N, C-alpha and C. Protein backbone atom coordinates (compact mmCIF):
# COMPACT_ATOMS: atom_id res chain seq x y z
N MET A 1 15.06 -43.07 -15.39
CA MET A 1 16.45 -43.85 -14.99
C MET A 1 16.38 -44.13 -13.53
N PRO A 2 16.67 -45.54 -13.74
CA PRO A 2 16.60 -45.88 -12.17
C PRO A 2 17.79 -45.55 -11.46
N PRO A 3 16.70 -45.23 -10.08
CA PRO A 3 17.67 -45.05 -9.28
C PRO A 3 18.80 -45.16 -8.83
N SER A 4 18.94 -46.54 -9.14
CA SER A 4 20.37 -47.22 -8.70
C SER A 4 21.68 -46.94 -9.98
N GLU A 5 20.63 -46.00 -11.18
CA GLU A 5 22.29 -45.60 -12.08
C GLU A 5 22.55 -44.10 -11.67
N TYR A 6 22.35 -43.26 -10.22
CA TYR A 6 22.60 -42.45 -10.02
C TYR A 6 23.90 -42.74 -9.00
N ARG A 7 25.00 -41.71 -9.23
CA ARG A 7 26.24 -41.39 -8.40
C ARG A 7 26.36 -40.60 -7.97
N PHE A 8 26.73 -40.48 -6.60
CA PHE A 8 26.90 -38.98 -6.12
C PHE A 8 28.94 -38.68 -5.67
N VAL A 9 29.42 -38.36 -6.66
CA VAL A 9 30.42 -38.04 -6.61
C VAL A 9 31.20 -37.18 -6.06
N LYS A 10 31.78 -37.04 -4.77
CA LYS A 10 32.62 -35.74 -3.87
C LYS A 10 33.47 -34.85 -5.25
N VAL A 11 32.81 -33.77 -5.08
CA VAL A 11 33.70 -32.77 -5.71
C VAL A 11 34.70 -32.25 -5.38
N THR A 12 35.37 -32.11 -6.68
CA THR A 12 37.18 -31.91 -6.47
C THR A 12 37.40 -30.26 -7.14
N ARG A 13 38.48 -30.28 -6.76
CA ARG A 13 38.43 -28.77 -7.51
C ARG A 13 38.60 -28.74 -9.21
N ALA A 14 39.15 -29.42 -9.83
CA ALA A 14 39.32 -30.12 -11.15
C ALA A 14 37.57 -30.57 -12.38
N ASP A 15 36.46 -29.97 -10.35
CA ASP A 15 34.83 -29.87 -10.77
C ASP A 15 35.07 -28.58 -11.20
N TYR A 16 35.56 -27.52 -10.86
CA TYR A 16 35.01 -26.44 -10.69
C TYR A 16 34.80 -25.67 -12.23
N PRO A 17 35.31 -25.51 -13.58
CA PRO A 17 35.18 -25.61 -14.76
C PRO A 17 33.88 -26.32 -14.81
N LEU A 18 33.34 -27.21 -14.85
CA LEU A 18 31.87 -27.76 -15.04
C LEU A 18 30.82 -27.39 -14.49
N LEU A 19 31.52 -27.13 -13.34
CA LEU A 19 30.03 -26.07 -11.92
C LEU A 19 29.95 -25.11 -12.58
N ARG A 20 31.15 -23.98 -13.37
CA ARG A 20 31.14 -22.89 -13.43
C ARG A 20 29.79 -22.69 -15.09
N ARG A 21 30.34 -23.56 -15.60
CA ARG A 21 29.47 -24.19 -17.11
C ARG A 21 27.97 -23.92 -16.41
N TRP A 22 28.07 -25.10 -15.51
CA TRP A 22 26.64 -25.00 -15.11
C TRP A 22 25.57 -23.91 -14.18
N LEU A 23 26.73 -23.06 -13.71
CA LEU A 23 26.09 -22.34 -12.77
C LEU A 23 25.58 -20.50 -13.96
N ALA A 24 26.51 -21.06 -15.35
CA ALA A 24 25.91 -19.94 -15.90
C ALA A 24 24.95 -20.27 -17.22
N GLU A 25 24.60 -21.24 -17.01
CA GLU A 25 23.50 -21.61 -17.72
C GLU A 25 22.16 -20.99 -17.39
N ARG A 26 21.15 -21.00 -18.81
CA ARG A 26 20.09 -19.73 -18.60
C ARG A 26 19.03 -19.89 -17.39
N HIS A 27 18.87 -21.64 -17.12
CA HIS A 27 17.76 -22.13 -16.26
C HIS A 27 18.48 -22.33 -14.89
N VAL A 28 19.69 -22.06 -14.74
CA VAL A 28 20.42 -21.70 -13.53
C VAL A 28 20.48 -20.63 -12.83
N VAL A 29 21.15 -18.98 -13.84
CA VAL A 29 21.05 -18.29 -13.46
C VAL A 29 19.79 -17.74 -12.56
N GLY A 30 20.25 -17.12 -11.72
CA GLY A 30 19.24 -16.18 -10.87
C GLY A 30 18.64 -16.84 -10.22
N ILE A 31 18.65 -18.39 -10.18
CA ILE A 31 18.15 -18.93 -9.39
C ILE A 31 19.18 -19.41 -8.19
N TRP A 32 20.65 -19.39 -8.65
CA TRP A 32 22.17 -19.86 -7.78
C TRP A 32 22.77 -18.16 -7.80
N GLY A 33 23.91 -17.86 -6.94
CA GLY A 33 24.94 -16.96 -7.10
C GLY A 33 25.27 -16.80 -8.40
N SER A 34 26.30 -16.28 -8.77
CA SER A 34 26.76 -15.90 -9.64
C SER A 34 28.19 -17.01 -9.64
N PRO A 35 28.53 -17.62 -10.90
CA PRO A 35 29.79 -18.64 -10.69
C PRO A 35 30.78 -18.23 -10.01
N ASP A 36 30.97 -17.08 -10.04
CA ASP A 36 32.73 -16.92 -9.27
C ASP A 36 32.39 -16.97 -7.52
N GLU A 37 30.82 -16.32 -7.03
CA GLU A 37 30.25 -16.47 -5.89
C GLU A 37 30.03 -18.02 -5.58
N GLU A 38 29.90 -18.61 -6.29
CA GLU A 38 29.21 -20.06 -5.80
C GLU A 38 30.49 -20.90 -5.44
N ILE A 39 31.70 -21.13 -6.81
CA ILE A 39 32.95 -21.32 -6.57
C ILE A 39 33.52 -20.71 -5.22
N ALA A 40 33.63 -19.82 -4.87
CA ALA A 40 34.15 -19.39 -4.01
C ALA A 40 33.45 -20.06 -2.49
N LEU A 41 32.32 -20.49 -2.72
CA LEU A 41 31.46 -20.73 -1.28
C LEU A 41 32.14 -21.96 -1.42
N ILE A 42 32.32 -22.57 -2.52
CA ILE A 42 32.52 -23.95 -2.77
C ILE A 42 34.09 -24.18 -2.11
N GLU A 43 34.51 -23.56 -2.78
CA GLU A 43 36.07 -23.72 -1.85
C GLU A 43 36.60 -23.62 -0.66
N ARG A 44 35.70 -22.60 -0.14
CA ARG A 44 35.27 -22.55 1.21
C ARG A 44 35.22 -24.04 2.32
N GLU A 45 34.59 -24.75 1.84
CA GLU A 45 34.29 -26.06 1.95
C GLU A 45 34.34 -26.99 2.19
N ILE A 46 35.86 -27.28 0.89
CA ILE A 46 36.23 -27.99 -0.15
C ILE A 46 37.23 -28.99 0.85
N ASP A 47 37.80 -28.42 1.74
CA ASP A 47 38.75 -29.36 2.53
C ASP A 47 38.56 -29.62 3.99
N GLY A 48 36.85 -29.84 3.96
CA GLY A 48 37.02 -30.26 5.55
C GLY A 48 35.54 -29.49 5.95
N GLY A 49 34.74 -28.64 5.16
CA GLY A 49 33.86 -27.89 6.20
C GLY A 49 32.62 -28.95 6.31
N ASP A 50 31.64 -28.39 6.97
CA ASP A 50 30.48 -29.37 7.21
C ASP A 50 29.75 -29.54 5.78
N CYS A 51 29.75 -28.60 5.07
CA CYS A 51 29.09 -29.22 3.57
C CYS A 51 29.80 -30.15 2.75
N GLN A 52 28.53 -31.25 2.30
CA GLN A 52 29.13 -32.24 1.71
C GLN A 52 28.63 -32.09 0.26
N MET A 53 29.56 -32.16 -0.67
CA MET A 53 29.03 -31.14 -1.93
C MET A 53 30.14 -32.88 -3.02
N HIS A 54 28.87 -33.22 -4.21
CA HIS A 54 28.06 -34.06 -5.08
C HIS A 54 28.07 -33.69 -6.69
N ILE A 55 29.67 -34.22 -7.32
CA ILE A 55 28.51 -34.13 -8.74
C ILE A 55 27.48 -35.28 -8.68
N VAL A 56 26.33 -35.10 -9.70
CA VAL A 56 25.52 -36.29 -9.48
C VAL A 56 25.96 -36.89 -11.04
N HIS A 57 25.74 -38.35 -11.23
CA HIS A 57 26.20 -38.61 -12.65
C HIS A 57 24.60 -39.70 -12.56
N ALA A 58 24.45 -39.36 -13.90
CA ALA A 58 23.75 -40.81 -14.40
C ALA A 58 24.89 -41.35 -15.61
N GLU A 59 24.47 -41.20 -16.72
CA GLU A 59 25.79 -41.96 -17.55
C GLU A 59 26.65 -41.12 -17.49
N THR A 60 26.51 -39.50 -17.36
CA THR A 60 27.90 -38.70 -17.47
C THR A 60 27.48 -37.77 -16.27
N PRO A 61 27.97 -36.96 -15.84
CA PRO A 61 27.60 -35.99 -14.93
C PRO A 61 26.17 -34.92 -15.23
N ILE A 62 25.57 -34.78 -14.20
CA ILE A 62 24.05 -34.28 -14.83
C ILE A 62 24.15 -32.68 -13.83
N GLY A 63 24.60 -32.97 -12.66
CA GLY A 63 24.23 -31.46 -11.82
C GLY A 63 25.11 -31.75 -10.59
N TYR A 64 24.77 -31.21 -9.64
CA TYR A 64 25.42 -30.55 -8.12
C TYR A 64 24.39 -30.79 -7.23
N ILE A 65 24.69 -31.62 -6.43
CA ILE A 65 23.89 -31.46 -5.17
C ILE A 65 24.48 -31.20 -3.70
N GLN A 66 24.07 -30.76 -2.72
CA GLN A 66 25.43 -30.49 -1.52
C GLN A 66 24.07 -30.54 -0.46
N ASN A 67 24.38 -30.95 0.88
CA ASN A 67 24.62 -31.02 2.52
C ASN A 67 24.75 -30.35 2.99
N TRP A 68 24.19 -29.75 4.14
CA TRP A 68 24.75 -29.33 5.79
C TRP A 68 23.66 -29.78 6.60
N ASP A 69 24.39 -29.08 7.97
CA ASP A 69 23.96 -29.09 9.00
C ASP A 69 22.90 -28.06 8.99
N ALA A 70 21.26 -28.29 8.93
CA ALA A 70 20.36 -27.31 8.66
C ALA A 70 20.18 -26.12 9.86
N HIS A 71 20.99 -26.60 11.32
CA HIS A 71 21.27 -25.57 12.16
C HIS A 71 22.18 -24.84 12.17
N ALA A 72 23.24 -24.78 11.10
CA ALA A 72 23.62 -23.83 10.99
C ALA A 72 23.16 -22.34 10.03
N GLU A 73 21.73 -22.59 9.86
CA GLU A 73 20.70 -21.31 9.63
C GLU A 73 19.25 -21.06 10.41
N GLY A 74 19.54 -19.97 10.76
CA GLY A 74 18.35 -19.63 11.85
C GLY A 74 16.99 -20.02 11.48
N HIS A 75 17.07 -20.15 10.09
CA HIS A 75 15.32 -20.12 9.64
C HIS A 75 15.16 -21.69 9.61
N TYR A 76 15.59 -22.38 9.92
CA TYR A 76 15.47 -23.80 10.53
C TYR A 76 15.55 -24.12 11.97
N ARG A 77 15.05 -23.74 12.35
CA ARG A 77 15.23 -23.36 14.25
C ARG A 77 14.40 -24.79 14.54
N ASP A 78 13.27 -24.59 14.62
CA ASP A 78 12.07 -25.38 14.87
C ASP A 78 12.29 -26.62 14.46
N LEU A 79 13.09 -27.23 13.60
CA LEU A 79 13.76 -29.07 12.79
C LEU A 79 14.66 -29.61 13.59
N PRO A 80 14.31 -30.74 13.88
CA PRO A 80 15.14 -31.77 14.72
C PRO A 80 16.43 -31.79 14.91
N ARG A 81 17.16 -31.63 15.69
CA ARG A 81 18.48 -31.90 15.56
C ARG A 81 19.15 -32.77 14.98
N GLY A 82 19.95 -32.55 14.08
CA GLY A 82 20.45 -33.98 12.84
C GLY A 82 20.12 -33.65 11.58
N THR A 83 19.11 -32.75 11.63
CA THR A 83 18.25 -32.31 10.17
C THR A 83 19.44 -31.65 9.18
N ARG A 84 19.64 -32.03 8.03
CA ARG A 84 20.26 -32.05 7.01
C ARG A 84 19.94 -31.25 5.67
N ALA A 85 20.20 -30.27 5.07
CA ALA A 85 19.72 -29.29 4.50
C ALA A 85 20.44 -29.18 3.21
N ILE A 86 19.20 -29.42 2.02
CA ILE A 86 20.34 -29.94 0.51
C ILE A 86 19.83 -28.46 -0.14
N ASP A 87 21.14 -28.48 -1.22
CA ASP A 87 20.40 -27.56 -2.49
C ASP A 87 21.08 -28.58 -3.88
N THR A 88 20.10 -28.30 -4.90
CA THR A 88 20.54 -29.26 -6.06
C THR A 88 20.54 -28.15 -7.28
N LEU A 89 21.01 -28.18 -8.00
CA LEU A 89 20.70 -27.72 -9.52
C LEU A 89 21.29 -29.11 -10.90
N LEU A 90 20.54 -29.17 -11.79
CA LEU A 90 20.47 -30.01 -12.82
C LEU A 90 20.88 -29.12 -13.85
N GLY A 91 22.37 -28.97 -14.30
CA GLY A 91 23.15 -28.61 -14.79
C GLY A 91 23.21 -28.25 -16.33
N GLU A 92 22.88 -29.93 -16.92
CA GLU A 92 23.03 -30.16 -18.12
C GLU A 92 21.70 -30.00 -18.84
N PRO A 93 21.44 -28.86 -19.53
CA PRO A 93 20.18 -28.66 -20.21
C PRO A 93 19.51 -30.28 -20.94
N GLY A 94 20.07 -30.30 -21.67
CA GLY A 94 20.13 -31.39 -22.53
C GLY A 94 19.05 -32.55 -21.41
N SER A 95 19.44 -32.77 -19.98
CA SER A 95 18.98 -33.59 -18.92
C SER A 95 17.39 -32.57 -18.26
N LEU A 96 17.36 -32.01 -18.64
CA LEU A 96 16.04 -31.23 -18.45
C LEU A 96 14.88 -31.75 -18.62
N GLY A 97 13.51 -31.57 -17.84
CA GLY A 97 12.47 -32.35 -18.21
C GLY A 97 12.08 -33.97 -18.20
N LYS A 98 13.04 -34.53 -17.35
CA LYS A 98 13.04 -35.81 -18.07
C LYS A 98 13.26 -36.32 -15.80
N GLY A 99 13.01 -36.09 -15.28
CA GLY A 99 12.60 -36.54 -14.32
C GLY A 99 13.98 -36.66 -13.00
N HIS A 100 15.44 -36.43 -13.95
CA HIS A 100 15.92 -36.73 -13.25
C HIS A 100 16.29 -36.11 -11.85
N ALA A 101 16.03 -34.32 -11.79
CA ALA A 101 16.67 -34.14 -10.57
C ALA A 101 15.38 -34.25 -9.37
N LYS A 102 13.89 -35.20 -9.48
CA LYS A 102 13.34 -35.48 -8.75
C LYS A 102 13.76 -36.79 -7.95
N ALA A 103 14.64 -37.72 -9.11
CA ALA A 103 14.32 -38.75 -8.77
C ALA A 103 15.97 -39.22 -7.91
N TYR A 104 16.93 -38.57 -8.61
CA TYR A 104 18.29 -38.16 -7.79
C TYR A 104 17.92 -37.26 -6.66
N THR A 105 17.41 -36.37 -6.14
CA THR A 105 17.58 -35.59 -4.93
C THR A 105 16.97 -37.08 -3.91
N ARG A 106 15.34 -37.38 -4.31
CA ARG A 106 15.03 -38.17 -3.49
C ARG A 106 16.05 -39.46 -3.28
N LEU A 107 17.00 -40.00 -3.99
CA LEU A 107 17.70 -41.04 -3.00
C LEU A 107 18.50 -40.31 -2.45
N TYR A 108 19.48 -39.65 -2.83
CA TYR A 108 20.17 -38.72 -1.96
C TYR A 108 19.48 -38.20 -0.44
N SER A 109 18.15 -37.93 -0.74
CA SER A 109 17.66 -37.57 0.83
C SER A 109 17.69 -39.11 1.71
N ASP A 110 17.08 -39.96 0.69
CA ASP A 110 17.01 -41.87 1.43
C ASP A 110 18.43 -41.81 2.08
N GLN A 111 19.52 -41.65 1.45
CA GLN A 111 20.72 -41.82 1.97
C GLN A 111 20.88 -41.40 2.82
N LEU A 112 20.53 -39.87 3.44
CA LEU A 112 20.99 -39.01 4.36
C LEU A 112 19.80 -39.62 5.96
N LEU A 113 19.23 -39.95 5.21
CA LEU A 113 17.99 -40.58 6.23
C LEU A 113 18.83 -41.95 7.34
N SER A 114 18.97 -42.48 5.73
CA SER A 114 19.70 -44.27 6.52
C SER A 114 21.20 -43.91 6.88
N GLN A 115 21.87 -42.77 6.71
CA GLN A 115 22.68 -42.66 7.74
C GLN A 115 22.69 -41.24 9.08
N GLY A 116 20.91 -41.48 9.20
CA GLY A 116 21.08 -40.93 10.71
C GLY A 116 20.55 -39.48 10.59
N ALA A 117 19.91 -38.86 9.52
CA ALA A 117 19.31 -37.73 9.53
C ALA A 117 17.98 -38.13 10.01
N PRO A 118 17.55 -36.99 10.81
CA PRO A 118 16.09 -37.25 11.32
C PRO A 118 15.08 -36.85 10.25
N MET A 119 15.84 -35.86 9.34
CA MET A 119 15.12 -35.38 8.16
C MET A 119 16.10 -34.35 7.49
N VAL A 120 15.36 -34.16 5.90
CA VAL A 120 15.71 -33.58 4.98
C VAL A 120 15.52 -32.70 4.70
N VAL A 121 15.72 -31.42 4.66
CA VAL A 121 15.01 -29.98 4.64
C VAL A 121 15.89 -29.24 3.09
N ALA A 122 14.45 -28.49 2.32
CA ALA A 122 14.94 -27.81 1.14
C ALA A 122 14.49 -25.97 1.69
N ASP A 123 15.08 -24.93 0.84
CA ASP A 123 14.41 -24.03 1.27
C ASP A 123 14.60 -23.42 -0.40
N PRO A 124 13.67 -23.39 -1.39
CA PRO A 124 13.80 -22.54 -2.56
C PRO A 124 12.81 -21.35 -2.33
N ARG A 125 13.86 -20.59 -2.86
CA ARG A 125 13.05 -19.39 -3.01
C ARG A 125 11.88 -19.20 -3.56
N LEU A 126 10.57 -18.18 -2.70
CA LEU A 126 9.32 -18.48 -3.00
C LEU A 126 8.93 -18.10 -4.70
N THR A 127 9.94 -17.39 -5.10
CA THR A 127 9.80 -16.93 -6.83
C THR A 127 10.03 -18.33 -7.36
N ASN A 128 10.45 -19.37 -6.69
CA ASN A 128 11.77 -20.56 -7.81
C ASN A 128 10.52 -21.55 -7.57
N SER A 129 9.34 -21.61 -8.70
CA SER A 129 8.19 -22.53 -8.43
C SER A 129 8.60 -23.44 -9.45
N ARG A 130 9.53 -23.84 -10.08
CA ARG A 130 10.36 -24.76 -10.52
C ARG A 130 10.95 -26.03 -9.63
N GLY A 131 11.43 -25.20 -8.76
CA GLY A 131 12.50 -25.84 -7.09
C GLY A 131 11.32 -26.56 -6.47
N ILE A 132 10.76 -25.35 -6.54
CA ILE A 132 9.19 -26.03 -5.15
C ILE A 132 8.70 -27.51 -5.86
N ALA A 133 8.02 -27.10 -7.15
CA ALA A 133 7.64 -28.08 -7.66
C ALA A 133 8.39 -29.38 -8.03
N MET A 134 9.75 -29.46 -8.15
CA MET A 134 10.52 -30.30 -8.35
C MET A 134 10.75 -31.13 -6.55
N TYR A 135 10.95 -30.43 -5.76
CA TYR A 135 11.51 -30.65 -4.33
C TYR A 135 9.72 -31.57 -4.17
N ARG A 136 8.83 -31.02 -4.15
CA ARG A 136 7.34 -31.59 -3.97
C ARG A 136 7.21 -33.10 -4.26
N ALA A 137 7.65 -33.16 -6.09
CA ALA A 137 7.33 -34.27 -6.77
C ALA A 137 8.42 -35.33 -6.39
N ALA A 138 9.38 -34.70 -5.26
CA ALA A 138 10.40 -35.81 -4.73
C ALA A 138 10.13 -36.15 -3.62
N GLY A 139 9.10 -36.00 -3.21
CA GLY A 139 8.34 -36.55 -1.30
C GLY A 139 8.57 -35.45 -0.62
N PHE A 140 8.73 -34.01 -0.66
CA PHE A 140 9.00 -33.43 0.40
C PHE A 140 8.06 -32.63 0.10
N ARG A 141 7.37 -32.23 1.87
CA ARG A 141 6.49 -31.27 2.12
C ARG A 141 6.22 -30.14 2.36
N PRO A 142 5.54 -29.04 2.37
CA PRO A 142 5.76 -27.87 2.85
C PRO A 142 5.60 -27.86 4.64
N HIS A 143 6.47 -26.95 5.03
CA HIS A 143 6.85 -26.98 6.44
C HIS A 143 6.23 -25.45 6.84
N ALA A 144 6.79 -24.60 5.80
CA ALA A 144 6.50 -22.79 6.41
C ALA A 144 7.43 -21.96 5.32
N GLN A 145 6.60 -21.12 5.25
CA GLN A 145 7.54 -19.81 4.73
C GLN A 145 8.33 -18.58 5.73
N ARG A 146 9.51 -18.23 4.74
CA ARG A 146 10.36 -17.61 6.10
C ARG A 146 11.60 -16.88 5.31
N ARG A 147 12.18 -16.15 6.24
CA ARG A 147 12.87 -15.13 5.57
C ARG A 147 14.09 -15.97 6.19
N CYS A 148 14.99 -15.89 5.33
CA CYS A 148 16.19 -16.82 5.13
C CYS A 148 17.50 -15.51 5.51
N GLU A 149 18.56 -16.33 5.43
CA GLU A 149 19.68 -15.82 6.15
C GLU A 149 19.93 -14.28 4.76
N THR A 150 19.23 -14.58 3.96
CA THR A 150 20.02 -13.02 2.71
C THR A 150 18.68 -12.28 2.74
N GLY A 151 17.60 -12.55 4.03
CA GLY A 151 16.27 -11.83 3.42
C GLY A 151 15.25 -12.51 2.48
N GLU A 152 15.39 -13.03 1.97
CA GLU A 152 14.79 -13.80 0.54
C GLU A 152 13.36 -14.72 1.52
N MET A 153 12.25 -14.58 1.23
CA MET A 153 11.53 -15.38 1.06
C MET A 153 11.78 -16.57 0.77
N VAL A 154 11.65 -17.73 1.72
CA VAL A 154 11.65 -18.93 0.87
C VAL A 154 10.47 -20.11 1.46
N GLN A 155 10.59 -21.16 0.78
CA GLN A 155 9.64 -22.27 0.79
C GLN A 155 10.22 -23.41 1.63
N ILE A 156 10.14 -23.33 3.14
CA ILE A 156 10.96 -24.84 3.53
C ILE A 156 10.48 -25.86 3.52
N LEU A 157 10.76 -26.95 2.61
CA LEU A 157 10.06 -28.35 2.79
C LEU A 157 10.85 -29.60 3.05
N THR A 158 10.53 -30.55 3.94
CA THR A 158 10.54 -31.30 4.73
C THR A 158 10.61 -32.83 3.61
N TYR A 159 11.80 -33.87 4.15
CA TYR A 159 11.63 -35.10 3.79
C TYR A 159 11.56 -35.49 5.04
N ALA A 160 11.16 -36.61 5.53
CA ALA A 160 10.92 -37.03 6.52
C ALA A 160 10.90 -39.02 6.19
N PRO A 161 11.27 -39.70 7.33
CA PRO A 161 10.96 -41.17 6.92
C PRO A 161 9.61 -41.45 6.95
N SER A 162 9.05 -42.33 6.06
CA SER A 162 8.00 -42.83 6.00
C SER A 162 7.28 -43.20 7.57
N SER A 163 6.18 -42.58 7.79
CA SER A 163 5.72 -43.58 8.86
C SER A 163 4.77 -44.98 8.51
């Protein structure tokens, strides 16, 4: 699907049932937290927190992507101020294996760069080989392996403007 076909629509509380369903999907469970925990985190930010949360639309809603100030988390300490961290999930099982996640992640990251972020960063767990491969296919480069705030080892990957 051409990148111009993806839209990022701000999450509302009306999206919670869809997000719960996606968070309970077999390919998502174990990568993200429990649906109740994740919805509670979204609820804390929905009315104006720093985290910007979006439903990814192709022809229909297919996933979720969010971004926040990377310096809110200590394991990003060496990255430039203004760096935005992202996280995403491709929720619809029928959309898997079609290149959607890498395409919309690249487009979303390019939009963050065009809005002034000097860099975009992601931190999939080392055990999440699918996530690491997707970010690399989207143009992210390995930066470091570190413990994140939960104590788990993550692969920090960066996306920056091409030189």
